[in-house]
Amino acid sequence: MMNDNEKLFNSGILTEEKQEAVLPPMDLWEKKKNGLVVIECPQQIPCNPCHDSCPTGAIMAFENIIDIPRIDYEKCTGCGRCVARCPGLACFVVDLTWGEENEALMKLPHEMLPLPRAGDEVACLNRMGEEVHRGKVINVTEPWKDCTRVVHVSVPKDMIMKIRAVKVV
């Protein structure tokens, strides 16, 4: 039986929710406007662009370059700069205060063409690349002006730990 690291190495796919995911405290997550970052680093490798890109210092300095990021959620503004900088596409922002009672706004990295536009319906994909929902694009930003986009998409709250990417349909 393969362990998670062997599955990732062999397929390049995170097959299930990552136990090491850095999740915000629920009480703060449900009231912080603009959302809070969630980080699912698949492996401990030398990497820290999320820390270097954070304008508020919410992603704390690493004691060791292979550490899993630590986040001071009181400082996180949900800006999405880490989302656009993470080479592993492991950062995304979830805003549970956005929209209707059962809706959330996810800010997801997007490096593929075609580029979705505000108002488009997109396929929301799970970690395996399978469509699990259709969502509406609210906005597309380019925080670093380097062609790495962050797609803001409306999704059901109960899907936030399943959706990891979008695809133009």
Protein backbone atom coordinates (compact mmCIF):
# COMPACT_ATOMS: atom_id res chain seq x y z
CA MET A 1 0.00 0.00 0.00
CA MET A 2 1.44 3.40 -1.01
CA ASN A 3 1.62 6.22 1.52
CA ASP A 4 0.64 9.84 0.68
CA ASN A 5 4.18 10.83 -0.33
CA GLU A 6 4.50 7.84 -2.68
CA LYS A 7 1.11 8.65 -4.25
CA LEU A 8 2.15 12.28 -4.72
CA PHE A 9 5.53 11.32 -6.20
CA ASN A 10 4.01 8.76 -8.58
CA SER A 11 1.03 10.82 -9.74
CA GLY A 12 1.75 14.47 -8.90
CA ILE A 13 -1.73 14.62 -7.35
CA LEU A 14 -2.83 15.23 -3.78
CA THR A 15 -5.45 12.54 -3.52
CA GLU A 16 -7.22 13.64 -0.38
CA GLU A 17 -7.45 16.47 2.12
CA LYS A 18 -3.97 17.19 3.38
CA GLN A 19 -3.68 16.62 7.10
CA GLU A 20 -0.96 19.27 7.33
CA ALA A 21 -3.25 21.91 5.78
CA VAL A 22 -2.97 25.18 7.64
CA LEU A 23 -6.58 26.14 8.40
CA PRO A 24 -7.84 29.32 10.06
CA PRO A 25 -9.63 29.13 13.41
CA MET A 26 -13.34 28.75 12.58
CA ASP A 27 -14.49 31.65 14.79
CA LEU A 28 -12.17 34.08 12.98
CA TRP A 29 -12.75 32.52 9.56
CA GLU A 30 -16.50 33.09 9.75
CA LYS A 31 -16.21 36.82 10.47
CA LYS A 32 -13.07 38.08 8.70
CA LYS A 33 -14.00 40.10 5.58
CA ASN A 34 -12.01 39.38 2.39
CA GLY A 35 -11.15 35.90 3.61
CA LEU A 36 -8.20 34.11 5.09
CA VAL A 37 -5.46 32.03 3.49
CA VAL A 38 -5.45 28.25 3.55
CA ILE A 39 -2.15 26.54 2.75
CA GLU A 40 -1.83 22.88 1.75
CA CYS A 41 1.88 22.25 1.23
CA PRO A 42 2.15 18.75 -0.24
CA GLN A 43 5.77 18.20 0.77
CA GLN A 44 8.35 19.75 3.04
CA ILE A 45 10.76 21.21 0.50
CA PRO A 46 12.94 24.34 0.52
CA CYS A 47 10.34 27.00 -0.30
CA ASN A 48 9.17 30.30 1.20
CA PRO A 49 7.63 32.59 -1.47
CA CYS A 50 4.39 32.73 0.54
CA HIS A 51 6.26 34.37 3.43
CA ASP A 52 8.26 36.68 1.17
CA SER A 53 5.11 37.85 -0.66
CA CYS A 54 2.95 38.55 2.41
CA PRO A 55 2.68 42.34 2.86
CA THR A 56 1.36 42.11 6.43
CA GLY A 57 3.68 39.45 7.85
CA ALA A 58 0.74 37.09 8.38
CA ILE A 59 2.79 34.21 6.97
CA MET A 60 5.51 34.09 9.56
CA ALA A 61 9.23 33.70 8.93
CA PHE A 62 10.36 30.10 8.66
CA GLU A 63 12.71 28.72 11.30
CA ASN A 64 13.81 26.13 8.72
CA ILE A 65 13.28 26.64 4.97
CA ILE A 66 11.50 23.25 4.73
CA ASP A 67 8.95 24.05 7.44
CA ILE A 68 5.21 24.10 6.79
CA PRO A 69 4.06 27.74 6.86
CA ARG A 70 2.72 29.20 10.10
CA ILE A 71 0.10 31.93 9.85
CA ASP A 72 -0.90 34.75 12.16
CA TYR A 73 -4.54 34.93 11.06
CA GLU A 74 -5.10 38.20 12.90
CA LYS A 75 -2.75 39.80 10.33
CA CYS A 76 -4.12 38.04 7.22
CA THR A 77 -6.12 40.35 4.95
CA GLY A 78 -7.05 37.77 2.28
CA CYS A 79 -5.17 39.81 -0.34
CA GLY A 80 -4.17 36.74 -2.38
CA ARG A 81 -0.56 37.76 -2.99
CA CYS A 82 0.66 34.42 -1.58
CA VAL A 83 -1.82 32.63 -3.86
CA ALA A 84 -0.17 34.14 -6.93
CA ARG A 85 3.38 33.54 -5.64
CA CYS A 86 3.20 29.91 -4.50
CA PRO A 87 5.01 27.74 -7.09
CA GLY A 88 3.17 24.65 -5.84
CA LEU A 89 -0.32 26.20 -6.12
CA ALA A 90 -0.75 25.29 -2.45
CA CYS A 91 -2.20 28.62 -1.24
CA PHE A 92 -5.75 29.81 -1.69
CA VAL A 93 -8.06 32.20 0.13
CA VAL A 94 -11.54 31.43 1.41
CA ASP A 95 -13.98 34.19 2.35
CA LEU A 96 -16.86 32.73 4.37
CA THR A 97 -18.39 36.21 4.89
CA TRP A 98 -19.03 36.73 1.17
CA GLY A 99 -22.39 36.29 -0.52
CA GLU A 100 -25.44 34.42 0.66
CA GLU A 101 -25.63 32.20 3.75
CA ASN A 102 -24.42 29.04 1.99
CA GLU A 103 -21.92 30.73 -0.36
CA ALA A 104 -18.21 31.36 -0.02
CA LEU A 105 -15.72 33.14 -2.24
CA MET A 106 -12.57 31.23 -3.12
CA LYS A 107 -9.48 32.93 -4.53
CA LEU A 108 -7.62 30.28 -6.50
CA PRO A 109 -4.40 30.38 -8.53
CA HIS A 110 -4.86 30.08 -12.29
CA GLU A 111 -1.98 29.60 -14.73
CA MET A 112 -3.84 28.11 -17.70
CA LEU A 113 -5.36 29.49 -20.88
CA PRO A 114 -8.02 30.43 -21.66
CA LEU A 115 -8.35 32.90 -18.84
CA PRO A 116 -11.81 33.12 -17.27
CA ARG A 117 -13.50 36.51 -16.98
CA ALA A 118 -15.85 37.99 -14.41
CA GLY A 119 -19.34 36.59 -14.97
CA ASP A 120 -18.14 33.35 -16.61
CA GLU A 121 -19.32 29.99 -15.39
CA VAL A 122 -16.35 27.71 -14.69
CA ALA A 123 -15.91 24.08 -13.78
CA CYS A 124 -14.64 23.82 -10.21
CA LEU A 125 -12.17 20.94 -9.92
CA ASN A 126 -11.09 18.77 -7.02
CA ARG A 127 -7.51 17.66 -6.30
CA MET A 128 -7.81 14.94 -8.96
CA GLY A 129 -8.93 17.41 -11.64
CA GLU A 130 -12.49 16.14 -11.62
CA GLU A 131 -15.38 18.58 -11.91
CA VAL A 132 -17.29 18.75 -8.63
CA HIS A 133 -19.25 21.98 -9.11
CA ARG A 134 -19.98 24.83 -11.51
CA GLY A 135 -19.16 28.24 -10.08
CA LYS A 136 -19.44 31.85 -11.18
CA VAL A 137 -16.30 33.96 -11.60
CA ILE A 138 -16.63 37.16 -9.59
CA ASN A 139 -13.23 38.67 -10.39
CA VAL A 140 -9.81 37.86 -11.83
CA THR A 141 -6.78 39.65 -10.41
CA GLU A 142 -3.07 39.69 -11.16
CA PRO A 143 -1.47 40.76 -7.86
CA TRP A 144 2.14 40.77 -9.10
CA LYS A 145 1.54 41.79 -12.75
CA ASP A 146 3.48 38.69 -13.83
CA CYS A 147 0.71 36.79 -15.66
CA THR A 148 -0.14 34.64 -12.62
CA ARG A 149 -3.84 35.20 -12.07
CA VAL A 150 -6.03 34.69 -9.04
CA VAL A 151 -9.59 33.70 -9.93
CA HIS A 152 -12.30 34.67 -7.43
CA VAL A 153 -15.15 32.19 -7.74
CA SER A 154 -18.43 31.75 -5.87
CA VAL A 155 -18.83 28.24 -4.42
CA PRO A 156 -21.01 26.51 -1.83
CA LYS A 157 -19.49 26.64 1.65
CA ASP A 158 -19.60 22.86 1.93
CA MET A 159 -17.26 22.57 -1.09
CA ILE A 160 -14.38 24.77 0.12
CA MET A 161 -12.20 21.86 1.20
CA LYS A 162 -12.82 20.00 -2.07
CA ILE A 163 -12.34 22.68 -4.77
CA ARG A 164 -8.73 23.45 -5.74
CA ALA A 165 -8.84 24.78 -9.30
CA VAL A 166 -11.12 26.07 -12.02
CA LYS A 167 -11.40 25.34 -15.72
CA VAL A 168 -13.10 27.46 -18.37
CA VAL A 169 -16.03 25.56 -19.89
